[in-house]
Amino acid sequence: MGSLKGFESLSDSKEFSSVYKDAKKWHNDACVLFYRPSQVNKIAVVASKKVGKAVIRNRYKRLLRSAFVIVLPEIVGGTYVMIAKQDLDKMSFVDIVKKLRWSFKKIGCLK
């Protein structure tokens, strides 16, 4: 399994705001995906308190990060933000990867 090498994390609230404002957006059953082309590769995985308690939120973020790593060789660089949706744990990991790949295709960031 790969890793997120080459990707920095989004940390500043200004960066999040600019991504939410300017990025292409697509949602599926697993997450809401934001993509903005940029020179620097960045990623953020977010799970709000509406999703559940800390253990659940961290699990959802791990699942989305793992799915992103699998799809990573197929996508172009840029800034990505994934917001986890509720009931993510009821989906199989294969379904999460399929939905993520479909979202990348719809946004137009597959190679």
PDB file of N, CA and C in Angstrom:
ATOM      1  N   MET A   1       0.837  -1.177   0.000  1.00  0.00           N
ATOM      2  CA  MET A   1       0.000   0.000   0.000  1.00  0.00           C
ATOM      3  C   MET A   1       0.882   1.241   0.000  1.00  0.00           C
ATOM      4  N   GLY A   2       0.455   2.280  -0.711  1.00  0.00           N
ATOM      5  CA  GLY A   2       1.233   3.503  -0.841  1.00  0.00           C
ATOM      6  C   GLY A   2       1.053   4.432   0.332  1.00  0.00           C
ATOM      7  N   SER A   3       1.487   5.648   0.119  1.00  0.00           N
ATOM      8  CA  SER A   3       1.339   6.652   1.163  1.00  0.00           C
ATOM      9  C   SER A   3       0.998   7.984   0.512  1.00  0.00           C
ATOM     10  N   LEU A   4       0.867   8.993   1.317  1.00  0.00           N
ATOM     11  CA  LEU A   4       0.534  10.327   0.820  1.00  0.00           C
ATOM     12  C   LEU A   4       1.782  11.166   0.588  1.00  0.00           C
ATOM     13  N   LYS A   5       2.891  10.527   0.233  1.00  0.00           N
ATOM     14  CA  LYS A   5       4.123  11.270  -0.032  1.00  0.00           C
ATOM     15  C   LYS A   5       3.880  12.243  -1.172  1.00  0.00           C
ATOM     16  N   GLY A   6       4.419  13.427  -1.033  1.00  0.00           N
ATOM     17  CA  GLY A   6       4.227  14.447  -2.046  1.00  0.00           C
ATOM     18  C   GLY A   6       3.020  15.324  -1.769  1.00  0.00           C
ATOM     19  N   PHE A   7       2.258  14.998  -0.735  1.00  0.00           N
ATOM     20  CA  PHE A   7       1.091  15.796  -0.368  1.00  0.00           C
ATOM     21  C   PHE A   7       1.310  16.434   0.994  1.00  0.00           C
ATOM     22  N   GLU A   8       1.117  17.745   1.041  1.00  0.00           N
ATOM     23  CA  GLU A   8       1.134  18.456   2.315  1.00  0.00           C
ATOM     24  C   GLU A   8      -0.288  18.491   2.835  1.00  0.00           C
ATOM     25  N   SER A   9      -0.443  18.855   4.107  1.00  0.00           N
ATOM     26  CA  SER A   9      -1.799  18.958   4.639  1.00  0.00           C
ATOM     27  C   SER A   9      -2.225  20.423   4.674  1.00  0.00           C
ATOM     28  N   LEU A  10      -3.497  20.629   4.478  1.00  0.00           N
ATOM     29  CA  LEU A  10      -4.074  21.965   4.619  1.00  0.00           C
ATOM     30  C   LEU A  10      -4.182  22.250   6.103  1.00  0.00           C
ATOM     31  N   SER A  11      -3.778  23.426   6.511  1.00  0.00           N
ATOM     32  CA  SER A  11      -3.816  23.693   7.945  1.00  0.00           C
ATOM     33  C   SER A  11      -4.496  25.017   8.270  1.00  0.00           C
ATOM     34  N   ASP A  12      -4.321  25.989   7.423  1.00  0.00           N
ATOM     35  CA  ASP A  12      -4.808  27.336   7.702  1.00  0.00           C
ATOM     36  C   ASP A  12      -6.274  27.466   7.301  1.00  0.00           C
ATOM     37  N   SER A  13      -7.064  28.139   8.104  1.00  0.00           N
ATOM     38  CA  SER A  13      -8.478  28.307   7.778  1.00  0.00           C
ATOM     39  C   SER A  13      -8.662  29.133   6.504  1.00  0.00           C
ATOM     40  N   LYS A  14      -7.714  30.007   6.192  1.00  0.00           N
ATOM     41  CA  LYS A  14      -7.780  30.773   4.938  1.00  0.00           C
ATOM     42  C   LYS A  14      -7.676  29.851   3.732  1.00  0.00           C
ATOM     43  N   GLU A  15      -6.815  28.825   3.846  1.00  0.00           N
ATOM     44  CA  GLU A  15      -6.684  27.857   2.757  1.00  0.00           C
ATOM     45  C   GLU A  15      -7.988  27.088   2.556  1.00  0.00           C
ATOM     46  N   PHE A  16      -8.593  26.656   3.657  1.00  0.00           N
ATOM     47  CA  PHE A  16      -9.867  25.949   3.567  1.00  0.00           C
ATOM     48  C   PHE A  16     -10.928  26.831   2.920  1.00  0.00           C
ATOM     49  N   SER A  17     -10.998  28.078   3.349  1.00  0.00           N
ATOM     50  CA  SER A  17     -11.996  29.000   2.806  1.00  0.00           C
ATOM     51  C   SER A  17     -11.809  29.192   1.310  1.00  0.00           C
ATOM     52  N   SER A  18     -10.568  29.353   0.869  1.00  0.00           N
ATOM     53  CA  SER A  18     -10.335  29.558  -0.564  1.00  0.00           C
ATOM     54  C   SER A  18     -10.677  28.304  -1.364  1.00  0.00           C
ATOM     55  N   VAL A  19     -10.406  27.131  -0.807  1.00  0.00           N
ATOM     56  CA  VAL A  19     -10.756  25.893  -1.505  1.00  0.00           C
ATOM     57  C   VAL A  19     -12.273  25.763  -1.590  1.00  0.00           C
ATOM     58  N   TYR A  20     -12.969  25.994  -0.489  1.00  0.00           N
ATOM     59  CA  TYR A  20     -14.428  25.879  -0.499  1.00  0.00           C
ATOM     60  C   TYR A  20     -15.053  26.869  -1.476  1.00  0.00           C
ATOM     61  N   LYS A  21     -14.441  28.035  -1.632  1.00  0.00           N
ATOM     62  CA  LYS A  21     -15.000  29.074  -2.491  1.00  0.00           C
ATOM     63  C   LYS A  21     -14.695  28.827  -3.973  1.00  0.00           C
ATOM     64  N   ASP A  22     -13.460  28.428  -4.291  1.00  0.00           N
ATOM     65  CA  ASP A  22     -13.005  28.384  -5.676  1.00  0.00           C
ATOM     66  C   ASP A  22     -12.979  26.991  -6.309  1.00  0.00           C
ATOM     67  N   ALA A  23     -13.078  25.949  -5.529  1.00  0.00           N
ATOM     68  CA  ALA A  23     -12.838  24.590  -6.036  1.00  0.00           C
ATOM     69  C   ALA A  23     -14.055  24.014  -6.742  1.00  0.00           C
ATOM     70  N   LYS A  24     -13.776  22.988  -7.566  1.00  0.00           N
ATOM     71  CA  LYS A  24     -14.853  22.172  -8.128  1.00  0.00           C
ATOM     72  C   LYS A  24     -15.327  21.248  -7.018  1.00  0.00           C
ATOM     73  N   LYS A  25     -16.629  20.973  -7.013  1.00  0.00           N
ATOM     74  CA  LYS A  25     -17.205  20.203  -5.913  1.00  0.00           C
ATOM     75  C   LYS A  25     -18.041  19.065  -6.476  1.00  0.00           C
ATOM     76  N   TRP A  26     -17.944  17.903  -5.835  1.00  0.00           N
ATOM     77  CA  TRP A  26     -18.781  16.765  -6.208  1.00  0.00           C
ATOM     78  C   TRP A  26     -19.067  15.971  -4.944  1.00  0.00           C
ATOM     79  N   HIS A  27     -20.282  15.464  -4.832  1.00  0.00           N
ATOM     80  CA  HIS A  27     -20.591  14.653  -3.650  1.00  0.00           C
ATOM     81  C   HIS A  27     -21.057  13.271  -4.083  1.00  0.00           C
ATOM     82  N   ASN A  28     -20.798  12.314  -3.206  1.00  0.00           N
ATOM     83  CA  ASN A  28     -21.276  10.954  -3.395  1.00  0.00           C
ATOM     84  C   ASN A  28     -21.758  10.455  -2.038  1.00  0.00           C
ATOM     85  N   ASP A  29     -22.058   9.169  -1.937  1.00  0.00           N
ATOM     86  CA  ASP A  29     -22.573   8.631  -0.678  1.00  0.00           C
ATOM     87  C   ASP A  29     -21.528   8.604   0.431  1.00  0.00           C
ATOM     88  N   ALA A  30     -20.251   8.594   0.052  1.00  0.00           N
ATOM     89  CA  ALA A  30     -19.180   8.492   1.040  1.00  0.00           C
ATOM     90  C   ALA A  30     -18.702   9.849   1.540  1.00  0.00           C
ATOM     91  N   CYS A  31     -18.568  10.820   0.626  1.00  0.00           N
ATOM     92  CA  CYS A  31     -17.973  12.092   1.022  1.00  0.00           C
ATOM     93  C   CYS A  31     -18.341  13.200   0.044  1.00  0.00           C
ATOM     94  N   VAL A  32     -17.984  14.413   0.424  1.00  0.00           N
ATOM     95  CA  VAL A  32     -18.041  15.556  -0.472  1.00  0.00           C
ATOM     96  C   VAL A  32     -16.589  15.853  -0.844  1.00  0.00           C
ATOM     97  N   LEU A  33     -16.328  15.981  -2.143  1.00  0.00           N
ATOM     98  CA  LEU A  33     -14.966  16.155  -2.623  1.00  0.00           C
ATOM     99  C   LEU A  33     -14.811  17.537  -3.243  1.00  0.00           C
ATOM    100  N   PHE A  34     -13.781  18.245  -2.829  1.00  0.00           N
ATOM    101  CA  PHE A  34     -13.424  19.528  -3.412  1.00  0.00           C
ATOM    102  C   PHE A  34     -12.072  19.382  -4.086  1.00  0.00           C
ATOM    103  N   TYR A  35     -11.933  19.942  -5.306  1.00  0.00           N
ATOM    104  CA  TYR A  35     -10.663  19.886  -6.018  1.00  0.00           C
ATOM    105  C   TYR A  35     -10.361  21.251  -6.623  1.00  0.00           C
ATOM    106  N   ARG A  36      -9.150  21.724  -6.368  1.00  0.00           N
ATOM    107  CA  ARG A  36      -8.685  22.969  -6.975  1.00  0.00           C
ATOM    108  C   ARG A  36      -7.292  22.716  -7.544  1.00  0.00           C
ATOM    109  N   PRO A  37      -7.097  22.977  -8.850  1.00  0.00           N
ATOM    110  CA  PRO A  37      -5.760  22.800  -9.415  1.00  0.00           C
ATOM    111  C   PRO A  37      -4.774  23.773  -8.762  1.00  0.00           C
ATOM    112  N   SER A  38      -3.583  23.298  -8.469  1.00  0.00           N
ATOM    113  CA  SER A  38      -2.557  24.161  -7.893  1.00  0.00           C
ATOM    114  C   SER A  38      -1.188  23.534  -8.122  1.00  0.00           C
ATOM    115  N   GLN A  39      -0.147  24.319  -7.927  1.00  0.00           N
ATOM    116  CA  GLN A  39       1.224  23.845  -8.106  1.00  0.00           C
ATOM    117  C   GLN A  39       1.635  22.929  -6.960  1.00  0.00           C
ATOM    118  N   VAL A  40       1.131  23.208  -5.766  1.00  0.00           N
ATOM    119  CA  VAL A  40       1.490  22.435  -4.578  1.00  0.00           C
ATOM    120  C   VAL A  40       0.389  21.416  -4.306  1.00  0.00           C
ATOM    121  N   ASN A  41       0.779  20.165  -4.094  1.00  0.00           N
ATOM    122  CA  ASN A  41      -0.187  19.111  -3.789  1.00  0.00           C
ATOM    123  C   ASN A  41      -0.533  19.152  -2.305  1.00  0.00           C
ATOM    124  N   LYS A  42      -1.823  19.329  -2.016  1.00  0.00           N
ATOM    125  CA  LYS A  42      -2.277  19.372  -0.632  1.00  0.00           C
ATOM    126  C   LYS A  42      -3.537  18.540  -0.488  1.00  0.00           C
ATOM    127  N   ILE A  43      -3.743  18.026   0.713  1.00  0.00           N
ATOM    128  CA  ILE A  43      -4.949  17.234   0.988  1.00  0.00           C
ATOM    129  C   ILE A  43      -5.414  17.505   2.414  1.00  0.00           C
ATOM    130  N   ALA A  44      -6.725  17.459   2.599  1.00  0.00           N
ATOM    131  CA  ALA A  44      -7.320  17.524   3.934  1.00  0.00           C
ATOM    132  C   ALA A  44      -8.510  16.574   3.945  1.00  0.00           C
ATOM    133  N   VAL A  45      -8.630  15.831   5.025  1.00  0.00           N
ATOM    134  CA  VAL A  45      -9.784  14.957   5.219  1.00  0.00           C
ATOM    135  C   VAL A  45     -10.484  15.443   6.481  1.00  0.00           C
ATOM    136  N   VAL A  46     -11.767  15.757   6.344  1.00  0.00           N
ATOM    137  CA  VAL A  46     -12.512  16.393   7.424  1.00  0.00           C
ATOM    138  C   VAL A  46     -13.713  15.533   7.783  1.00  0.00           C
ATOM    139  N   ALA A  47     -14.007  15.440   9.075  1.00  0.00           N
ATOM    140  CA  ALA A  47     -15.226  14.787   9.551  1.00  0.00           C
ATOM    141  C   ALA A  47     -15.790  15.666  10.668  1.00  0.00           C
ATOM    142  N   SER A  48     -16.976  16.188  10.454  1.00  0.00           N
ATOM    143  CA  SER A  48     -17.551  17.096  11.443  1.00  0.00           C
ATOM    144  C   SER A  48     -18.115  16.322  12.626  1.00  0.00           C
ATOM    145  N   LYS A  49     -18.459  17.038  13.663  1.00  0.00           N
ATOM    146  CA  LYS A  49     -19.008  16.409  14.863  1.00  0.00           C
ATOM    147  C   LYS A  49     -20.383  15.807  14.612  1.00  0.00           C
ATOM    148  N   LYS A  50     -21.046  16.213  13.525  1.00  0.00           N
ATOM    149  CA  LYS A  50     -22.336  15.622  13.178  1.00  0.00           C
ATOM    150  C   LYS A  50     -22.185  14.137  12.838  1.00  0.00           C
ATOM    151  N   VAL A  51     -21.003  13.746  12.378  1.00  0.00           N
ATOM    152  CA  VAL A  51     -20.748  12.374  11.952  1.00  0.00           C
ATOM    153  C   VAL A  51     -20.745  11.423  13.136  1.00  0.00           C
ATOM    154  N   GLY A  52     -20.189  11.852  14.254  1.00  0.00           N
ATOM    155  CA  GLY A  52     -20.129  10.990  15.424  1.00  0.00           C
ATOM    156  C   GLY A  52     -19.058  11.454  16.384  1.00  0.00           C
ATOM    157  N   LYS A  53     -18.792  10.614  17.360  1.00  0.00           N
ATOM    158  CA  LYS A  53     -17.767  10.955  18.348  1.00  0.00           C
ATOM    159  C   LYS A  53     -16.380  10.779  17.739  1.00  0.00           C
ATOM    160  N   ALA A  54     -15.353  11.125  18.489  1.00  0.00           N
ATOM    161  CA  ALA A  54     -13.988  11.196  17.976  1.00  0.00           C
ATOM    162  C   ALA A  54     -13.502   9.891  17.348  1.00  0.00           C
ATOM    163  N   VAL A  55     -13.827   8.762  17.966  1.00  0.00           N
ATOM    164  CA  VAL A  55     -13.367   7.477  17.437  1.00  0.00           C
ATOM    165  C   VAL A  55     -13.953   7.234  16.045  1.00  0.00           C
ATOM    166  N   ILE A  56     -15.224   7.531  15.889  1.00  0.00           N
ATOM    167  CA  ILE A  56     -15.903   7.346  14.603  1.00  0.00           C
ATOM    168  C   ILE A  56     -15.325   8.306  13.562  1.00  0.00           C
ATOM    169  N   ARG A  57     -15.160   9.572  13.943  1.00  0.00           N
ATOM    170  CA  ARG A  57     -14.619  10.564  13.010  1.00  0.00           C
ATOM    171  C   ARG A  57     -13.226  10.166  12.529  1.00  0.00           C
ATOM    172  N   ASN A  58     -12.387   9.720  13.443  1.00  0.00           N
ATOM    173  CA  ASN A  58     -11.035   9.314  13.063  1.00  0.00           C
ATOM    174  C   ASN A  58     -11.059   8.088  12.145  1.00  0.00           C
ATOM    175  N   ARG A  59     -11.962   7.149  12.404  1.00  0.00           N
ATOM    176  CA  ARG A  59     -12.078   5.975  11.536  1.00  0.00           C
ATOM    177  C   ARG A  59     -12.491   6.386  10.131  1.00  0.00           C
ATOM    178  N   TYR A  60     -13.469   7.277  10.013  1.00  0.00           N
ATOM    179  CA  TYR A  60     -13.926   7.744   8.706  1.00  0.00           C
ATOM    180  C   TYR A  60     -12.788   8.433   7.955  1.00  0.00           C
ATOM    181  N   LYS A  61     -12.014   9.238   8.672  1.00  0.00           N
ATOM    182  CA  LYS A  61     -10.897   9.927   8.027  1.00  0.00           C
ATOM    183  C   LYS A  61      -9.838   8.926   7.551  1.00  0.00           C
ATOM    184  N   ARG A  62      -9.561   7.897   8.343  1.00  0.00           N
ATOM    185  CA  ARG A  62      -8.610   6.861   7.927  1.00  0.00           C
ATOM    186  C   ARG A  62      -9.103   6.124   6.686  1.00  0.00           C
ATOM    187  N   LEU A  63     -10.399   5.804   6.655  1.00  0.00           N
ATOM    188  CA  LEU A  63     -10.972   5.122   5.497  1.00  0.00           C
ATOM    189  C   LEU A  63     -10.835   5.974   4.232  1.00  0.00           C
ATOM    190  N   LEU A  64     -11.164   7.250   4.330  1.00  0.00           N
ATOM    191  CA  LEU A  64     -11.077   8.127   3.162  1.00  0.00           C
ATOM    192  C   LEU A  64      -9.631   8.320   2.711  1.00  0.00           C
ATOM    193  N   ARG A  65      -8.712   8.453   3.671  1.00  0.00           N
ATOM    194  CA  ARG A  65      -7.294   8.594   3.309  1.00  0.00           C
ATOM    195  C   ARG A  65      -6.785   7.344   2.595  1.00  0.00           C
ATOM    196  N   SER A  66      -7.174   6.169   3.085  1.00  0.00           N
ATOM    197  CA  SER A  66      -6.752   4.917   2.458  1.00  0.00           C
ATOM    198  C   SER A  66      -7.308   4.789   1.040  1.00  0.00           C
ATOM    199  N   ALA A  67      -8.562   5.160   0.856  1.00  0.00           N
ATOM    200  CA  ALA A  67      -9.166   5.116  -0.479  1.00  0.00           C
ATOM    201  C   ALA A  67      -8.463   6.106  -1.406  1.00  0.00           C
ATOM    202  N   PHE A  68      -8.100   7.276  -0.882  1.00  0.00           N
ATOM    203  CA  PHE A  68      -7.396   8.283  -1.672  1.00  0.00           C
ATOM    204  C   PHE A  68      -6.040   7.757  -2.131  1.00  0.00           C
ATOM    205  N   VAL A  69      -5.334   7.056  -1.241  1.00  0.00           N
ATOM    206  CA  VAL A  69      -4.013   6.500  -1.581  1.00  0.00           C
ATOM    207  C   VAL A  69      -4.142   5.485  -2.719  1.00  0.00           C
ATOM    208  N   ILE A  70      -5.211   4.704  -2.732  1.00  0.00           N
ATOM    209  CA  ILE A  70      -5.407   3.713  -3.786  1.00  0.00           C
ATOM    210  C   ILE A  70      -5.661   4.398  -5.129  1.00  0.00           C
ATOM    211  N   VAL A  71      -6.415   5.483  -5.134  1.00  0.00           N
ATOM    212  CA  VAL A  71      -6.758   6.187  -6.370  1.00  0.00           C
ATOM    213  C   VAL A  71      -5.648   7.170  -6.786  1.00  0.00           C
ATOM    214  N   LEU A  72      -4.739   7.475  -5.883  1.00  0.00           N
ATOM    215  CA  LEU A  72      -3.708   8.498  -6.093  1.00  0.00           C
ATOM    216  C   LEU A  72      -2.932   8.396  -7.408  1.00  0.00           C
ATOM    217  N   PRO A  73      -2.497   7.205  -7.858  1.00  0.00           N
ATOM    218  CA  PRO A  73      -1.744   7.155  -9.122  1.00  0.00           C
ATOM    219  C   PRO A  73      -2.559   7.584 -10.345  1.00  0.00           C
ATOM    220  N   GLU A  74      -3.881   7.607 -10.220  1.00  0.00           N
ATOM    221  CA  GLU A  74      -4.747   7.911 -11.361  1.00  0.00           C
ATOM    222  C   GLU A  74      -5.136   9.382 -11.441  1.00  0.00           C
ATOM    223  N   ILE A  75      -4.786  10.200 -10.450  1.00  0.00           N
ATOM    224  CA  ILE A  75      -5.267  11.578 -10.425  1.00  0.00           C
ATOM    225  C   ILE A  75      -4.133  12.574 -10.647  1.00  0.00           C
ATOM    226  N   VAL A  76      -4.519  13.779 -11.052  1.00  0.00           N
ATOM    227  CA  VAL A  76      -3.557  14.857 -11.248  1.00  0.00           C
ATOM    228  C   VAL A  76      -3.327  15.581  -9.929  1.00  0.00           C
ATOM    229  N   GLY A  77      -2.258  16.348  -9.859  1.00  0.00           N
ATOM    230  CA  GLY A  77      -1.940  17.082  -8.639  1.00  0.00           C
ATOM    231  C   GLY A  77      -2.889  18.247  -8.418  1.00  0.00           C
ATOM    232  N   GLY A  78      -2.899  18.741  -7.200  1.00  0.00           N
ATOM    233  CA  GLY A  78      -3.748  19.870  -6.852  1.00  0.00           C
ATOM    234  C   GLY A  78      -4.072  19.838  -5.372  1.00  0.00           C
ATOM    235  N   THR A  79      -5.072  20.608  -5.010  1.00  0.00           N
ATOM    236  CA  THR A  79      -5.511  20.664  -3.628  1.00  0.00           C
ATOM    237  C   THR A  79      -6.841  19.930  -3.508  1.00  0.00           C
ATOM    238  N   TYR A  80      -6.906  19.001  -2.571  1.00  0.00           N
ATOM    239  CA  TYR A  80      -8.100  18.177  -2.372  1.00  0.00           C
ATOM    240  C   TYR A  80      -8.585  18.313  -0.937  1.00  0.00           C
ATOM    241  N   VAL A  81      -9.903  18.422  -0.779  1.00  0.00           N
ATOM    242  CA  VAL A  81     -10.531  18.368   0.541  1.00  0.00           C
ATOM    243  C   VAL A  81     -11.664  17.350   0.444  1.00  0.00           C
ATOM    244  N   MET A  82     -11.673  16.390   1.375  1.00  0.00           N
ATOM    245  CA  MET A  82     -12.736  15.393   1.430  1.00  0.00           C
ATOM    246  C   MET A  82     -13.450  15.533   2.766  1.00  0.00           C
ATOM    247  N   ILE A  83     -14.757  15.673   2.713  1.00  0.00           N
ATOM    248  CA  ILE A  83     -15.563  15.792   3.925  1.00  0.00           C
ATOM    249  C   ILE A  83     -16.384  14.516   4.063  1.00  0.00           C
ATOM    250  N   ALA A  84     -16.152  13.777   5.140  1.00  0.00           N
ATOM    251  CA  ALA A  84     -16.816  12.493   5.360  1.00  0.00           C
ATOM    252  C   ALA A  84     -18.310  12.696   5.618  1.00  0.00           C
ATOM    253  N   LYS A  85     -19.099  11.747   5.124  1.00  0.00           N
ATOM    254  CA  LYS A  85     -20.542  11.757   5.379  1.00  0.00           C
ATOM    255  C   LYS A  85     -20.879  10.673   6.401  1.00  0.00           C
ATOM    256  N   GLN A  86     -22.065  10.797   6.975  1.00  0.00           N
ATOM    257  CA  GLN A  86     -22.514   9.808   7.957  1.00  0.00           C
ATOM    258  C   GLN A  86     -22.706   8.453   7.299  1.00  0.00           C
ATOM    259  N   ASP A  87     -22.667   7.409   8.100  1.00  0.00           N
ATOM    260  CA  ASP A  87     -22.896   6.026   7.671  1.00  0.00           C
ATOM    261  C   ASP A  87     -21.839   5.522   6.693  1.00  0.00           C
ATOM    262  N   LEU A  88     -20.655   6.102   6.743  1.00  0.00           N
ATOM    263  CA  LEU A  88     -19.557   5.649   5.892  1.00  0.00           C
ATOM    264  C   LEU A  88     -19.144   4.228   6.246  1.00  0.00           C
ATOM    265  N   ASP A  89     -19.264   3.866   7.507  1.00  0.00           N
ATOM    266  CA  ASP A  89     -18.851   2.527   7.934  1.00  0.00           C
ATOM    267  C   ASP A  89     -19.805   1.434   7.460  1.00  0.00           C
ATOM    268  N   LYS A  90     -20.963   1.795   6.976  1.00  0.00           N
ATOM    269  CA  LYS A  90     -21.911   0.805   6.464  1.00  0.00           C
ATOM    270  C   LYS A  90     -21.578   0.396   5.029  1.00  0.00           C
ATOM    271  N   MET A  91     -20.635   1.124   4.398  1.00  0.00           N
ATOM    272  CA  MET A  91     -20.220   0.816   3.027  1.00  0.00           C
ATOM    273  C   MET A  91     -18.976  -0.072   3.065  1.00  0.00           C
ATOM    274  N   SER A  92     -18.823  -0.899   2.049  1.00  0.00           N
ATOM    275  CA  SER A  92     -17.593  -1.684   1.961  1.00  0.00           C
ATOM    276  C   SER A  92     -16.475  -0.769   1.456  1.00  0.00           C
ATOM    277  N   PHE A  93     -15.245  -1.150   1.760  1.00  0.00           N
ATOM    278  CA  PHE A  93     -14.108  -0.329   1.347  1.00  0.00           C
ATOM    279  C   PHE A  93     -14.019  -0.247  -0.176  1.00  0.00           C
ATOM    280  N   VAL A  94     -14.360  -1.336  -0.856  1.00  0.00           N
ATOM    281  CA  VAL A  94     -14.345  -1.353  -2.325  1.00  0.00           C
ATOM    282  C   VAL A  94     -15.336  -0.327  -2.869  1.00  0.00           C
ATOM    283  N   ASP A  95     -16.520  -0.229  -2.246  1.00  0.00           N
ATOM    284  CA  ASP A  95     -17.516   0.760  -2.667  1.00  0.00           C
ATOM    285  C   ASP A  95     -17.005   2.183  -2.454  1.00  0.00           C
ATOM    286  N   ILE A  96     -16.322   2.413  -1.337  1.00  0.00           N
ATOM    287  CA  ILE A  96     -15.784   3.744  -1.055  1.00  0.00           C
ATOM    288  C   ILE A  96     -14.779   4.135  -2.135  1.00  0.00           C
ATOM    289  N   VAL A  97     -13.901   3.198  -2.510  1.00  0.00           N
ATOM    290  CA  VAL A  97     -12.908   3.479  -3.556  1.00  0.00           C
ATOM    291  C   VAL A  97     -13.603   3.755  -4.888  1.00  0.00           C
ATOM    292  N   LYS A  98     -14.628   2.950  -5.226  1.00  0.00           N
ATOM    293  CA  LYS A  98     -15.368   3.150  -6.478  1.00  0.00           C
ATOM    294  C   LYS A  98     -16.030   4.528  -6.509  1.00  0.00           C
ATOM    295  N   LYS A  99     -16.655   4.905  -5.409  1.00  0.00           N
ATOM    296  CA  LYS A  99     -17.338   6.199  -5.359  1.00  0.00           C
ATOM    297  C   LYS A  99     -16.343   7.350  -5.439  1.00  0.00           C
ATOM    298  N   LEU A 100     -15.202   7.197  -4.805  1.00  0.00           N
ATOM    299  CA  LEU A 100     -14.171   8.224  -4.863  1.00  0.00           C
ATOM    300  C   LEU A 100     -13.625   8.359  -6.287  1.00  0.00           C
ATOM    301  N   ARG A 101     -13.360   7.221  -6.929  1.00  0.00           N
ATOM    302  CA  ARG A 101     -12.861   7.236  -8.309  1.00  0.00           C
ATOM    303  C   ARG A 101     -13.884   7.898  -9.233  1.00  0.00           C
ATOM    304  N   TRP A 102     -15.165   7.590  -9.039  1.00  0.00           N
ATOM    305  CA  TRP A 102     -16.230   8.184  -9.852  1.00  0.00           C
ATOM    306  C   TRP A 102     -16.282   9.701  -9.643  1.00  0.00           C
ATOM    307  N   SER A 103     -16.114  10.124  -8.406  1.00  0.00           N
ATOM    308  CA  SER A 103     -16.125  11.561  -8.114  1.00  0.00           C
ATOM    309  C   SER A 103     -14.966  12.264  -8.800  1.00  0.00           C
ATOM    310  N   PHE A 104     -13.778  11.651  -8.753  1.00  0.00           N
ATOM    311  CA  PHE A 104     -12.619  12.243  -9.437  1.00  0.00           C
ATOM    312  C   PHE A 104     -12.873  12.346 -10.937  1.00  0.00           C
ATOM    313  N   LYS A 105     -13.535  11.328 -11.497  1.00  0.00           N
ATOM    314  CA  LYS A 105     -13.837  11.354 -12.925  1.00  0.00           C
ATOM    315  C   LYS A 105     -14.806  12.492 -13.243  1.00  0.00           C
ATOM    316  N   LYS A 106     -15.837  12.655 -12.428  1.00  0.00           N
ATOM    317  CA  LYS A 106     -16.837  13.691 -12.674  1.00  0.00           C
ATOM    318  C   LYS A 106     -16.249  15.100 -12.545  1.00  0.00           C
ATOM    319  N   ILE A 107     -15.310  15.270 -11.623  1.00  0.00           N
ATOM    320  CA  ILE A 107     -14.679  16.582 -11.449  1.00  0.00           C
ATOM    321  C   ILE A 107     -13.666  16.845 -12.572  1.00  0.00           C
ATOM    322  N   GLY A 108     -13.129  15.779 -13.141  1.00  0.00           N
ATOM    323  CA  GLY A 108     -12.196  15.931 -14.249  1.00  0.00           C
ATOM    324  C   GLY A 108     -10.739  15.972 -13.809  1.00  0.00           C
ATOM    325  N   CYS A 109     -10.406  15.290 -12.742  1.00  0.00           N
ATOM    326  CA  CYS A 109      -9.012  15.294 -12.305  1.00  0.00           C
ATOM    327  C   CYS A 109      -8.360  13.923 -12.429  1.00  0.00           C
ATOM    328  N   LEU A 110      -8.965  12.996 -13.180  1.00  0.00           N
ATOM    329  CA  LEU A 110      -8.289  11.731 -13.491  1.00  0.00           C
ATOM    330  C   LEU A 110      -7.325  11.981 -14.650  1.00  0.00           C
ATOM    331  N   LYS A 111      -6.211  11.262 -14.635  1.00  0.00           N
ATOM    332  CA  LYS A 111      -5.217  11.419 -15.717  1.00  0.00           C
ATOM    333  C   LYS A 111      -5.752  10.858 -17.015  1.00  0.00           C
TER     334      LYS A 111
END
